[in-house]
C-alpha atoms as a PDB file:
ATOM      1  CA  UNK A   1       2.773  -2.936 -11.606  1.00  0.00           C
ATOM      2  CA  UNK A   2      -0.229  -3.215  -9.384  1.00  0.00           C
ATOM      3  CA  UNK A   3      -1.372  -6.653  -8.307  1.00  0.00           C
ATOM      4  CA  UNK A   4      -4.743  -8.055  -7.445  1.00  0.00           C
ATOM      5  CA  UNK A   5      -5.672  -6.298  -4.251  1.00  0.00           C
ATOM      6  CA  UNK A   6      -7.754  -8.490  -2.058  1.00  0.00           C
ATOM      7  CA  UNK A   7      -7.624  -7.620   1.617  1.00  0.00           C
ATOM      8  CA  UNK A   8      -5.266 -10.192   3.095  1.00  0.00           C
ATOM      9  CA  UNK A   9      -3.997 -10.677   6.664  1.00  0.00           C
ATOM     10  CA  UNK A  10      -0.233 -10.362   7.018  1.00  0.00           C
ATOM     11  CA  UNK A  11       2.168 -11.816   9.509  1.00  0.00           C
ATOM     12  CA  UNK A  12       3.933  -8.704  10.649  1.00  0.00           C
ATOM     13  CA  UNK A  13       7.024 -10.216  12.195  1.00  0.00           C
ATOM     14  CA  UNK A  14       9.139  -7.536  10.523  1.00  0.00           C
ATOM     15  CA  UNK A  15      11.149 -10.139   8.646  1.00  0.00           C
ATOM     16  CA  UNK A  16      11.980  -9.004   5.102  1.00  0.00           C
ATOM     17  CA  UNK A  17       9.779  -5.887   5.349  1.00  0.00           C
ATOM     18  CA  UNK A  18      10.857  -2.310   6.038  1.00  0.00           C
ATOM     19  CA  UNK A  19       8.333   0.405   6.876  1.00  0.00           C
ATOM     20  CA  UNK A  20       8.932   3.421   4.644  1.00  0.00           C
ATOM     21  CA  UNK A  21       5.822   5.503   5.473  1.00  0.00           C
ATOM     22  CA  UNK A  22       3.517   5.473   8.501  1.00  0.00           C
ATOM     23  CA  UNK A  23       0.459   7.536   9.345  1.00  0.00           C
ATOM     24  CA  UNK A  24      -2.610   6.936  11.544  1.00  0.00           C
ATOM     25  CA  UNK A  25      -1.603   3.291  11.952  1.00  0.00           C
ATOM     26  CA  UNK A  26      -1.370   2.716   8.193  1.00  0.00           C
ATOM     27  CA  UNK A  27       1.992   1.776   6.672  1.00  0.00           C
ATOM     28  CA  UNK A  28       3.779   1.393   3.376  1.00  0.00           C
ATOM     29  CA  UNK A  29       6.242  -1.470   3.658  1.00  0.00           C
ATOM     30  CA  UNK A  30       8.940  -2.478   1.186  1.00  0.00           C
ATOM     31  CA  UNK A  31      10.001  -6.093   0.735  1.00  0.00           C
ATOM     32  CA  UNK A  32      13.749  -6.245   1.292  1.00  0.00           C
ATOM     33  CA  UNK A  33      14.171  -9.139  -1.144  1.00  0.00           C
ATOM     34  CA  UNK A  34      11.913  -8.283  -4.094  1.00  0.00           C
ATOM     35  CA  UNK A  35      11.605  -4.508  -3.667  1.00  0.00           C
ATOM     36  CA  UNK A  36       7.820  -4.510  -4.114  1.00  0.00           C
ATOM     37  CA  UNK A  37       5.674  -2.721  -1.566  1.00  0.00           C
ATOM     38  CA  UNK A  38       2.352  -3.024   0.203  1.00  0.00           C
ATOM     39  CA  UNK A  39      -0.068  -0.823   2.122  1.00  0.00           C
ATOM     40  CA  UNK A  40      -1.079  -2.254   5.493  1.00  0.00           C
ATOM     41  CA  UNK A  41      -4.003  -1.018   7.590  1.00  0.00           C
ATOM     42  CA  UNK A  42      -3.926  -0.689  11.413  1.00  0.00           C
ATOM     43  CA  UNK A  43      -5.318  -4.245  11.743  1.00  0.00           C
ATOM     44  CA  UNK A  44      -2.405  -5.772   9.769  1.00  0.00           C
ATOM     45  CA  UNK A  45      -4.518  -6.325   6.662  1.00  0.00           C
ATOM     46  CA  UNK A  46      -2.796  -5.798   3.314  1.00  0.00           C
ATOM     47  CA  UNK A  47      -4.981  -3.394   1.352  1.00  0.00           C
ATOM     48  CA  UNK A  48      -2.814  -2.917  -1.738  1.00  0.00           C
ATOM     49  CA  UNK A  49       0.472  -4.051  -3.244  1.00  0.00           C
ATOM     50  CA  UNK A  50       2.604  -3.105  -6.215  1.00  0.00           C
ATOM     51  CA  UNK A  51       5.774  -1.201  -6.987  1.00  0.00           C
ATOM     52  CA  UNK A  52       7.300   0.924  -4.256  1.00  0.00           C
ATOM     53  CA  UNK A  53       6.755   4.150  -6.198  1.00  0.00           C
ATOM     54  CA  UNK A  54       3.063   3.371  -6.806  1.00  0.00           C
ATOM     55  CA  UNK A  55       2.413   2.531  -3.159  1.00  0.00           C
ATOM     56  CA  UNK A  56       4.165   5.718  -1.996  1.00  0.00           C
ATOM     57  CA  UNK A  57       2.150   7.756  -4.525  1.00  0.00           C
ATOM     58  CA  UNK A  58      -1.113   6.161  -3.353  1.00  0.00           C
ATOM     59  CA  UNK A  59      -0.221   6.604   0.305  1.00  0.00           C
ATOM     60  CA  UNK A  60       0.695  10.252  -0.208  1.00  0.00           C
ATOM     61  CA  UNK A  61      -2.554  10.767  -2.137  1.00  0.00           C
ATOM     62  CA  UNK A  62      -4.608   9.154   0.630  1.00  0.00           C
ATOM     63  CA  UNK A  63      -3.083  11.340   3.344  1.00  0.00           C
ATOM     64  CA  UNK A  64      -2.688  14.505   1.270  1.00  0.00           C
ATOM     65  CA  UNK A  65      -2.984  17.786   3.116  1.00  0.00           C
ATOM     66  CA  UNK A  66      -4.805  16.462   6.135  1.00  0.00           C
ATOM     67  CA  UNK A  67      -4.015  16.275   9.789  1.00  0.00           C
ATOM     68  CA  UNK A  68      -6.297  13.324  10.405  1.00  0.00           C
ATOM     69  CA  UNK A  69      -8.985  11.667   8.299  1.00  0.00           C
ATOM     70  CA  UNK A  70     -11.529   8.977   9.079  1.00  0.00           C
ATOM     71  CA  UNK A  71     -10.908   5.325   8.280  1.00  0.00           C
ATOM     72  CA  UNK A  72     -13.831   5.430   5.855  1.00  0.00           C
ATOM     73  CA  UNK A  73     -12.218   8.297   3.946  1.00  0.00           C
ATOM     74  CA  UNK A  74      -8.917   6.398   3.881  1.00  0.00           C
ATOM     75  CA  UNK A  75     -10.682   3.371   2.373  1.00  0.00           C
ATOM     76  CA  UNK A  76     -12.540   5.577  -0.129  1.00  0.00           C
ATOM     77  CA  UNK A  77      -9.314   7.210  -1.307  1.00  0.00           C
ATOM     78  CA  UNK A  78      -7.517   3.871  -1.572  1.00  0.00           C
ATOM     79  CA  UNK A  79     -10.416   2.417  -3.586  1.00  0.00           C
ATOM     80  CA  UNK A  80     -10.206   5.452  -5.877  1.00  0.00           C
ATOM     81  CA  UNK A  81      -6.488   4.822  -6.428  1.00  0.00           C
ATOM     82  CA  UNK A  82      -7.085   1.160  -7.217  1.00  0.00           C
ATOM     83  CA  UNK A  83      -9.946   1.891  -9.623  1.00  0.00           C
ATOM     84  CA  UNK A  84      -7.858   4.462 -11.479  1.00  0.00           C
ATOM     85  CA  UNK A  85      -4.864   2.175 -11.732  1.00  0.00           C
ATOM     86  CA  UNK A  86      -3.990   0.625 -15.081  1.00  0.00           C
ATOM     87  CA  UNK A  87      -4.149  -3.155 -14.831  1.00  0.00           C
ATOM     88  CA  UNK A  88      -1.057  -4.297 -16.637  1.00  0.00           C
ATOM     89  CA  UNK A  89       1.176  -7.279 -16.242  1.00  0.00           C
ATOM     90  CA  UNK A  90       4.778  -6.252 -16.311  1.00  0.00           C
ATOM     91  CA  UNK A  91       6.914  -8.570 -14.212  1.00  0.00           C
ATOM     92  CA  UNK A  92       9.936  -6.267 -14.338  1.00  0.00           C
ATOM     93  CA  UNK A  93       8.097  -3.834 -12.042  1.00  0.00           C
ATOM     94  CA  UNK A  94       7.767  -6.528  -9.390  1.00  0.00           C
ATOM     95  CA  UNK A  95      11.083  -8.307  -9.728  1.00  0.00           C
END
């Protein structure tokens, strides 16, 4: 399940969210209640959300085999992931 991915500011108080991946200021966080996940940029803007496995796959794709990449390349790779994602509504993936 991959939701509508508008950039959205997050309140990063750490309540209900656990960071499961971190690189160059970007994070994959898992919601401790629902189990869904999100990708957060260094400015605390949510860039993507969906199932934990999808967000980990996208994150690993974005940072594949590189020591450090530019923010523009990160955004390009994330956009590529989102464009290639199947848009399907399947509530069991989220809940």
